[in-house]
Amino acid sequence: LSDFLKKNAIKADIHVISGSVEIAPGIGLADAIFDI
């Protein structure tokens, strides 16, 4: 994700989660997800 954001000149806050990434926006932990 970091490489992709740098390539596209986008500054964002990357929040690392080891599992269940998809629930992050629903509980207010993140605005978006990057996942499989």
All heavy atoms as atom14 arrays in JSON, in Angstrom:
{
  "sequence": "LSDFLKKNAIKADIHVISGSVEIAPGIGLADAIFDI",
  "atom14_mask": [
    [1, 1, 1, 1, 1, 1, 1, 1, 0, 0, 0, 0, 0, 0],
    [1, 1, 1, 1, 1, 1, 0, 0, 0, 0, 0, 0, 0, 0],
    [1, 1, 1, 1, 1, 1, 1, 1, 0, 0, 0, 0, 0, 0],
    [1, 1, 1, 1, 1, 1, 1, 1, 1, 1, 1, 0, 0, 0],
    [1, 1, 1, 1, 1, 1, 1, 1, 0, 0, 0, 0, 0, 0],
    [1, 1, 1, 1, 1, 1, 1, 1, 1, 0, 0, 0, 0, 0],
    [1, 1, 1, 1, 1, 1, 1, 1, 1, 0, 0, 0, 0, 0],
    [1, 1, 1, 1, 1, 1, 1, 1, 0, 0, 0, 0, 0, 0],
    [1, 1, 1, 1, 1, 0, 0, 0, 0, 0, 0, 0, 0, 0],
    [1, 1, 1, 1, 1, 1, 1, 1, 0, 0, 0, 0, 0, 0],
    [1, 1, 1, 1, 1, 1, 1, 1, 1, 0, 0, 0, 0, 0],
    [1, 1, 1, 1, 1, 0, 0, 0, 0, 0, 0, 0, 0, 0],
    [1, 1, 1, 1, 1, 1, 1, 1, 0, 0, 0, 0, 0, 0],
    [1, 1, 1, 1, 1, 1, 1, 1, 0, 0, 0, 0, 0, 0],
    [1, 1, 1, 1, 1, 1, 1, 1, 1, 1, 0, 0, 0, 0],
    [1, 1, 1, 1, 1, 1, 1, 0, 0, 0, 0, 0, 0, 0],
    [1, 1, 1, 1, 1, 1, 1, 1, 0, 0, 0, 0, 0, 0],
    [1, 1, 1, 1, 1, 1, 0, 0, 0, 0, 0, 0, 0, 0],
    [1, 1, 1, 1, 0, 0, 0, 0, 0, 0, 0, 0, 0, 0],
    [1, 1, 1, 1, 1, 1, 0, 0, 0, 0, 0, 0, 0, 0],
    [1, 1, 1, 1, 1, 1, 1, 0, 0, 0, 0, 0, 0, 0],
    [1, 1, 1, 1, 1, 1, 1, 1, 1, 0, 0, 0, 0, 0],
    [1, 1, 1, 1, 1, 1, 1, 1, 0, 0, 0, 0, 0, 0],
    [1, 1, 1, 1, 1, 0, 0, 0, 0, 0, 0, 0, 0, 0],
    [1, 1, 1, 1, 1, 1, 1, 0, 0, 0, 0, 0, 0, 0],
    [1, 1, 1, 1, 0, 0, 0, 0, 0, 0, 0, 0, 0, 0],
    [1, 1, 1, 1, 1, 1, 1, 1, 0, 0, 0, 0, 0, 0],
    [1, 1, 1, 1, 0, 0, 0, 0, 0, 0, 0, 0, 0, 0],
    [1, 1, 1, 1, 1, 1, 1, 1, 0, 0, 0, 0, 0, 0],
    [1, 1, 1, 1, 1, 0, 0, 0, 0, 0, 0, 0, 0, 0],
    [1, 1, 1, 1, 1, 1, 1, 1, 0, 0, 0, 0, 0, 0],
    [1, 1, 1, 1, 1, 0, 0, 0, 0, 0, 0, 0, 0, 0],
    [1, 1, 1, 1, 1, 1, 1, 1, 0, 0, 0, 0, 0, 0],
    [1, 1, 1, 1, 1, 1, 1, 1, 1, 1, 1, 0, 0, 0],
    [1, 1, 1, 1, 1, 1, 1, 1, 0, 0, 0, 0, 0, 0],
    [1, 1, 1, 1, 1, 1, 1, 1, 0, 0, 0, 0, 0, 0]
  ],
  "atom14_positions": [
    [[0.83, -1.2, 0.0], [0.0, 0.0, 0.0], [0.86, 1.26, 0.0], [0.59, 2.21, -0.75], [-0.93, 0.0, 1.21], [-1.82, 1.25, 1.38], [-2.69, 1.46, 0.14], [-2.67, 1.13, 2.63], [0.0, 0.0, 0.0], [0.0, 0.0, 0.0], [0.0, 0.0, 0.0], [0.0, 0.0, 0.0], [0.0, 0.0, 0.0], [0.0, 0.0, 0.0]],
    [[1.9, 1.28, 0.82], [2.78, 2.44, 0.89], [3.43, 2.74, -0.46], [3.49, 3.89, -0.9], [3.87, 2.22, 1.94], [4.76, 3.31, 2.0], [0.0, 0.0, 0.0], [0.0, 0.0, 0.0], [0.0, 0.0, 0.0], [0.0, 0.0, 0.0], [0.0, 0.0, 0.0], [0.0, 0.0, 0.0], [0.0, 0.0, 0.0], [0.0, 0.0, 0.0]],
    [[3.9, 1.69, -1.13], [4.52, 1.86, -2.45], [3.52, 2.42, -3.45], [3.86, 3.29, -4.27], [5.07, 0.52, -2.96], [6.29, 0.06, -2.19], [6.88, 0.88, -1.46], [6.66, -1.13, -2.31], [0.0, 0.0, 0.0], [0.0, 0.0, 0.0], [0.0, 0.0, 0.0], [0.0, 0.0, 0.0], [0.0, 0.0, 0.0], [0.0, 0.0, 0.0]],
    [[2.29, 1.94, -3.38], [1.26, 2.42, -4.31], [0.94, 3.89, -4.05], [0.82, 4.68, -4.99], [0.0, 1.56, -4.16], [-1.16, 2.06, -4.98], [-1.23, 1.81, -6.33], [-2.18, 2.8, -4.38], [-2.3, 2.28, -7.1], [-3.24, 3.27, -5.13], [-3.3, 3.01, -6.5], [0.0, 0.0, 0.0], [0.0, 0.0, 0.0], [0.0, 0.0, 0.0]],
    [[0.79, 4.25, -2.79], [0.45, 5.64, -2.46], [1.57, 6.6, -2.87], [1.32, 7.68, -3.4], [0.16, 5.77, -0.97], [-1.09, 5.03, -0.45], [-1.2, 5.16, 1.05], [-2.36, 5.56, -1.14], [0.0, 0.0, 0.0], [0.0, 0.0, 0.0], [0.0, 0.0, 0.0], [0.0, 0.0, 0.0], [0.0, 0.0, 0.0], [0.0, 0.0, 0.0]],
    [[2.83, 6.19, -2.64], [3.96, 7.02, -3.03], [4.01, 7.2, -4.54], [4.28, 8.3, -5.04], [5.26, 6.39, -2.54], [5.47, 6.49, -1.04], [6.77, 5.8, -0.62], [6.95, 5.84, 0.89], [8.18, 5.11, 1.31], [0.0, 0.0, 0.0], [0.0, 0.0, 0.0], [0.0, 0.0, 0.0], [0.0, 0.0, 0.0], [0.0, 0.0, 0.0]],
    [[3.75, 6.12, -5.26], [3.77, 6.17, -6.72], [2.73, 7.16, -7.25], [2.95, 7.81, -8.28], [3.51, 4.78, -7.29], [3.51, 4.7, -8.8], [3.26, 3.28, -9.26], [3.2, 3.2, -10.79], [2.92, 1.82, -11.26], [0.0, 0.0, 0.0], [0.0, 0.0, 0.0], [0.0, 0.0, 0.0], [0.0, 0.0, 0.0], [0.0, 0.0, 0.0]],
    [[1.61, 7.27, -6.53], [0.53, 8.15, -6.97], [0.49, 9.48, -6.21], [-0.5, 10.21, -6.3], [-0.81, 7.42, -6.82], [-0.98, 6.31, -7.84], [-1.39, 6.55, -8.98], [-0.64, 5.08, -7.45], [0.0, 0.0, 0.0], [0.0, 0.0, 0.0], [0.0, 0.0, 0.0], [0.0, 0.0, 0.0], [0.0, 0.0, 0.0], [0.0, 0.0, 0.0]],
    [[1.55, 9.74, -5.44], [1.69, 11.02, -4.72], [0.5, 11.31, -3.82], [-0.02, 12.43, -3.78], [1.91, 12.16, -5.71], [0.0, 0.0, 0.0], [0.0, 0.0, 0.0], [0.0, 0.0, 0.0], [0.0, 0.0, 0.0], [0.0, 0.0, 0.0], [0.0, 0.0, 0.0], [0.0, 0.0, 0.0], [0.0, 0.0, 0.0], [0.0, 0.0, 0.0]],
    [[0.08, 10.3, -3.1], [-1.04, 10.45, -2.17], [-0.54, 10.23, -0.75], [0.09, 9.22, -0.46], [-2.17, 9.45, -2.49], [-2.77, 9.76, -3.87], [-3.26, 9.49, -1.42], [-3.75, 8.73, -4.34], [0.0, 0.0, 0.0], [0.0, 0.0, 0.0], [0.0, 0.0, 0.0], [0.0, 0.0, 0.0], [0.0, 0.0, 0.0], [0.0, 0.0, 0.0]],
    [[-0.82, 11.17, 0.13], [-0.44, 11.04, 1.53], [-1.65, 10.6, 2.34], [-2.68, 11.29, 2.37], [0.1, 12.37, 2.06], [1.42, 12.78, 1.43], [1.95, 14.06, 2.06], [3.3, 14.44, 1.45], [3.84, 15.69, 2.07], [0.0, 0.0, 0.0], [0.0, 0.0, 0.0], [0.0, 0.0, 0.0], [0.0, 0.0, 0.0], [0.0, 0.0, 0.0]],
    [[-1.52, 9.43, 2.96], [-2.6, 8.89, 3.78], [-1.99, 8.22, 5.0], [-0.8, 7.9, 5.03], [-3.44, 7.89, 2.98], [0.0, 0.0, 0.0], [0.0, 0.0, 0.0], [0.0, 0.0, 0.0], [0.0, 0.0, 0.0], [0.0, 0.0, 0.0], [0.0, 0.0, 0.0], [0.0, 0.0, 0.0], [0.0, 0.0, 0.0], [0.0, 0.0, 0.0]],
    [[-2.81, 7.99, 6.01], [-2.37, 7.36, 7.25], [-2.64, 5.86, 7.14], [-3.79, 5.44, 7.04], [-3.13, 7.97, 8.43], [-2.69, 7.37, 9.75], [-1.65, 6.68, 9.79], [-3.41, 7.58, 10.76], [0.0, 0.0, 0.0], [0.0, 0.0, 0.0], [0.0, 0.0, 0.0], [0.0, 0.0, 0.0], [0.0, 0.0, 0.0], [0.0, 0.0, 0.0]],
    [[-1.57, 5.05, 7.17], [-1.72, 3.6, 7.06], [-1.8, 3.01, 8.46], [-0.88, 3.17, 9.28], [-0.55, 2.97, 6.29], [-0.52, 3.52, 4.85], [-0.66, 1.45, 6.28], [0.67, 3.03, 4.03], [0.0, 0.0, 0.0], [0.0, 0.0, 0.0], [0.0, 0.0, 0.0], [0.0, 0.0, 0.0], [0.0, 0.0, 0.0], [0.0, 0.0, 0.0]],
    [[-2.9, 2.31, 8.74], [-3.12, 1.68, 10.04], [-3.0, 0.17, 9.85], [-3.82, -0.45, 9.18], [-4.5, 2.05, 10.58], [-4.73, 1.6, 11.99], [-4.26, 2.31, 13.08], [-5.38, 0.53, 12.49], [-4.61, 1.69, 14.19], [-5.29, 0.6, 13.86], [0.0, 0.0, 0.0], [0.0, 0.0, 0.0], [0.0, 0.0, 0.0], [0.0, 0.0, 0.0]],
    [[-1.96, -0.44, 10.45], [-1.69, -1.87, 10.24], [-2.54, -2.73, 11.17], [-2.54, -2.55, 12.39], [-0.2, -2.18, 10.45], [0.07, -3.67, 10.21], [0.67, -1.33, 9.53], [0.0, 0.0, 0.0], [0.0, 0.0, 0.0], [0.0, 0.0, 0.0], [0.0, 0.0, 0.0], [0.0, 0.0, 0.0], [0.0, 0.0, 0.0], [0.0, 0.0, 0.0]],
    [[-3.26, -3.67, 10.57], [-4.1, -4.62, 11.31], [-3.74, -6.02, 10.84], [-3.6, -6.27, 9.65], [-5.61, -4.36, 11.07], [-5.98, -2.96, 11.56], [-6.46, -5.4, 11.74], [-7.45, -2.62, 11.32], [0.0, 0.0, 0.0], [0.0, 0.0, 0.0], [0.0, 0.0, 0.0], [0.0, 0.0, 0.0], [0.0, 0.0, 0.0], [0.0, 0.0, 0.0]],
    [[-3.6, -6.96, 11.76], [-3.19, -8.32, 11.4], [-4.34, -9.2, 10.92], [-4.13, -10.21, 10.26], [-2.49, -9.0, 12.58], [-3.35, -9.06, 13.69], [0.0, 0.0, 0.0], [0.0, 0.0, 0.0], [0.0, 0.0, 0.0], [0.0, 0.0, 0.0], [0.0, 0.0, 0.0], [0.0, 0.0, 0.0], [0.0, 0.0, 0.0], [0.0, 0.0, 0.0]],
    [[-5.56, -8.83, 11.23], [-6.69, -9.65, 10.81], [-8.0, -8.88, 10.88], [-8.08, -7.82, 11.5], [0.0, 0.0, 0.0], [0.0, 0.0, 0.0], [0.0, 0.0, 0.0], [0.0, 0.0, 0.0], [0.0, 0.0, 0.0], [0.0, 0.0, 0.0], [0.0, 0.0, 0.0], [0.0, 0.0, 0.0], [0.0, 0.0, 0.0], [0.0, 0.0, 0.0]],
    [[-9.04, -9.42, 10.21], [-10.38, -8.8, 10.2], [-10.32, -7.32, 9.79], [-10.94, -6.46, 10.41], [-11.04, -8.93, 11.57], [-11.19, -10.29, 11.93], [0.0, 0.0, 0.0], [0.0, 0.0, 0.0], [0.0, 0.0, 0.0], [0.0, 0.0, 0.0], [0.0, 0.0, 0.0], [0.0, 0.0, 0.0], [0.0, 0.0, 0.0], [0.0, 0.0, 0.0]],
    [[-9.58, -7.05, 8.75], [-9.41, -5.69, 8.26], [-10.74, -5.08, 7.85], [-10.99, -3.88, 8.04], [-8.42, -5.67, 7.06], [-8.34, -4.28, 6.44], [-7.04, -6.13, 7.52], [0.0, 0.0, 0.0], [0.0, 0.0, 0.0], [0.0, 0.0, 0.0], [0.0, 0.0, 0.0], [0.0, 0.0, 0.0], [0.0, 0.0, 0.0], [0.0, 0.0, 0.0]],
    [[-11.62, -5.9, 7.31], [-12.87, -5.4, 6.73], [-13.8, -4.72, 7.74], [-14.7, -3.96, 7.35], [-13.62, -6.53, 6.02], [-14.12, -7.64, 6.92], [-13.06, -8.68, 7.26], [-11.93, -8.58, 6.74], [-13.37, -9.59, 8.05], [0.0, 0.0, 0.0], [0.0, 0.0, 0.0], [0.0, 0.0, 0.0], [0.0, 0.0, 0.0], [0.0, 0.0, 0.0]],
    [[-13.61, -4.98, 9.03], [-14.5, -4.37, 10.02], [-14.06, -2.97, 10.44], [-14.8, -2.26, 11.12], [-14.63, -5.26, 11.28], [-13.31, -5.27, 12.08], [-15.08, -6.66, 10.93], [-13.44, -5.93, 13.44], [0.0, 0.0, 0.0], [0.0, 0.0, 0.0], [0.0, 0.0, 0.0], [0.0, 0.0, 0.0], [0.0, 0.0, 0.0], [0.0, 0.0, 0.0]],
    [[-12.84, -2.57, 10.03], [-12.27, -1.3, 10.49], [-13.14, -0.08, 10.22], [-13.36, 0.74, 11.13], [-10.86, -1.11, 9.92], [0.0, 0.0, 0.0], [0.0, 0.0, 0.0], [0.0, 0.0, 0.0], [0.0, 0.0, 0.0], [0.0, 0.0, 0.0], [0.0, 0.0, 0.0], [0.0, 0.0, 0.0], [0.0, 0.0, 0.0], [0.0, 0.0, 0.0]],
    [[-13.66, 0.1, 9.01], [-14.5, 1.3, 8.78], [-15.78, 1.28, 9.62], [-16.23, 2.32, 10.1], [-14.82, 1.22, 7.29], [-13.69, 0.44, 6.71], [-13.39, -0.6, 7.74], [0.0, 0.0, 0.0], [0.0, 0.0, 0.0], [0.0, 0.0, 0.0], [0.0, 0.0, 0.0], [0.0, 0.0, 0.0], [0.0, 0.0, 0.0], [0.0, 0.0, 0.0]],
    [[-16.36, 0.11, 9.8], [-17.61, -0.01, 10.53], [-17.51, 0.35, 12.0], [-18.5, 0.79, 12.6], [0.0, 0.0, 0.0], [0.0, 0.0, 0.0], [0.0, 0.0, 0.0], [0.0, 0.0, 0.0], [0.0, 0.0, 0.0], [0.0, 0.0, 0.0], [0.0, 0.0, 0.0], [0.0, 0.0, 0.0], [0.0, 0.0, 0.0], [0.0, 0.0, 0.0]],
    [[-16.34, 0.19, 12.59], [-16.16, 0.51, 14.02], [-15.42, 1.84, 14.2], [-15.01, 2.17, 15.32], [-15.43, -0.63, 14.75], [-14.02, -0.84, 14.18], [-16.24, -1.92, 14.7], [-13.21, -1.87, 14.96], [0.0, 0.0, 0.0], [0.0, 0.0, 0.0], [0.0, 0.0, 0.0], [0.0, 0.0, 0.0], [0.0, 0.0, 0.0], [0.0, 0.0, 0.0]],
    [[-15.23, 2.56, 13.12], [-14.61, 3.87, 13.21], [-13.1, 3.86, 13.31], [-12.49, 4.88, 13.64], [0.0, 0.0, 0.0], [0.0, 0.0, 0.0], [0.0, 0.0, 0.0], [0.0, 0.0, 0.0], [0.0, 0.0, 0.0], [0.0, 0.0, 0.0], [0.0, 0.0, 0.0], [0.0, 0.0, 0.0], [0.0, 0.0, 0.0], [0.0, 0.0, 0.0]],
    [[-12.48, 2.71, 13.03], [-11.03, 2.61, 13.14], [-10.31, 3.16, 11.91], [-9.15, 3.57, 11.98], [-10.63, 1.15, 13.37], [-9.2, 0.85, 13.77], [-8.85, 1.53, 15.09], [-8.98, -0.66, 13.89], [0.0, 0.0, 0.0], [0.0, 0.0, 0.0], [0.0, 0.0, 0.0], [0.0, 0.0, 0.0], [0.0, 0.0, 0.0], [0.0, 0.0, 0.0]],
    [[-10.99, 3.17, 10.78], [-10.38, 3.64, 9.53], [-11.45, 4.14, 8.59], [-12.64, 3.82, 8.73], [-9.57, 2.52, 8.89], [0.0, 0.0, 0.0], [0.0, 0.0, 0.0], [0.0, 0.0, 0.0], [0.0, 0.0, 0.0], [0.0, 0.0, 0.0], [0.0, 0.0, 0.0], [0.0, 0.0, 0.0], [0.0, 0.0, 0.0], [0.0, 0.0, 0.0]],
    [[-11.03, 4.92, 7.6], [-11.95, 5.42, 6.58], [-12.1, 4.43, 5.43], [-13.11, 4.44, 4.71], [-11.44, 6.75, 6.01], [-11.27, 7.8, 7.09], [-12.28, 8.14, 7.73], [-10.13, 8.27, 7.29], [0.0, 0.0, 0.0], [0.0, 0.0, 0.0], [0.0, 0.0, 0.0], [0.0, 0.0, 0.0], [0.0, 0.0, 0.0], [0.0, 0.0, 0.0]],
    [[-11.07, 3.61, 5.23], [-11.05, 2.68, 4.1], [-10.16, 1.49, 4.46], [-9.49, 1.49, 5.5], [-10.51, 3.38, 2.85], [0.0, 0.0, 0.0], [0.0, 0.0, 0.0], [0.0, 0.0, 0.0], [0.0, 0.0, 0.0], [0.0, 0.0, 0.0], [0.0, 0.0, 0.0], [0.0, 0.0, 0.0], [0.0, 0.0, 0.0], [0.0, 0.0, 0.0]],
    [[-10.17, 0.47, 3.6], [-9.31, -0.68, 3.82], [-8.56, -1.03, 2.54], [-8.98, -0.68, 1.44], [-10.08, -1.92, 4.31], [-10.97, -2.48, 3.17], [-10.9, -1.61, 5.55], [-11.53, -3.87, 3.46], [0.0, 0.0, 0.0], [0.0, 0.0, 0.0], [0.0, 0.0, 0.0], [0.0, 0.0, 0.0], [0.0, 0.0, 0.0], [0.0, 0.0, 0.0]],
    [[-7.45, -1.71, 2.7], [-6.7, -2.29, 1.59], [-6.48, -3.75, 1.94], [-5.76, -4.07, 2.89], [-5.36, -1.56, 1.41], [-4.48, -2.17, 0.35], [-4.89, -2.2, -0.97], [-3.25, -2.71, 0.68], [-4.08, -2.76, -1.94], [-2.43, -3.27, -0.29], [-2.85, -3.29, -1.61], [0.0, 0.0, 0.0], [0.0, 0.0, 0.0], [0.0, 0.0, 0.0]],
    [[-7.1, -4.65, 1.19], [-7.09, -6.05, 1.6], [-7.28, -6.98, 0.4], [-7.55, -6.53, -0.72], [-8.2, -6.3, 2.63], [-7.94, -7.53, 3.49], [-6.79, -8.0, 3.53], [-8.9, -8.02, 4.12], [0.0, 0.0, 0.0], [0.0, 0.0, 0.0], [0.0, 0.0, 0.0], [0.0, 0.0, 0.0], [0.0, 0.0, 0.0], [0.0, 0.0, 0.0]],
    [[-7.15, -8.27, 0.68], [-7.36, -9.3, -0.33], [-8.85, -9.38, -0.67], [-9.7, -9.35, 0.22], [-6.88, -10.67, 0.18], [-5.35, -10.7, 0.24], [-7.37, -11.8, -0.72], [-4.79, -11.98, 0.81], [0.0, 0.0, 0.0], [0.0, 0.0, 0.0], [0.0, 0.0, 0.0], [0.0, 0.0, 0.0], [0.0, 0.0, 0.0], [0.0, 0.0, 0.0]]
  ]
}
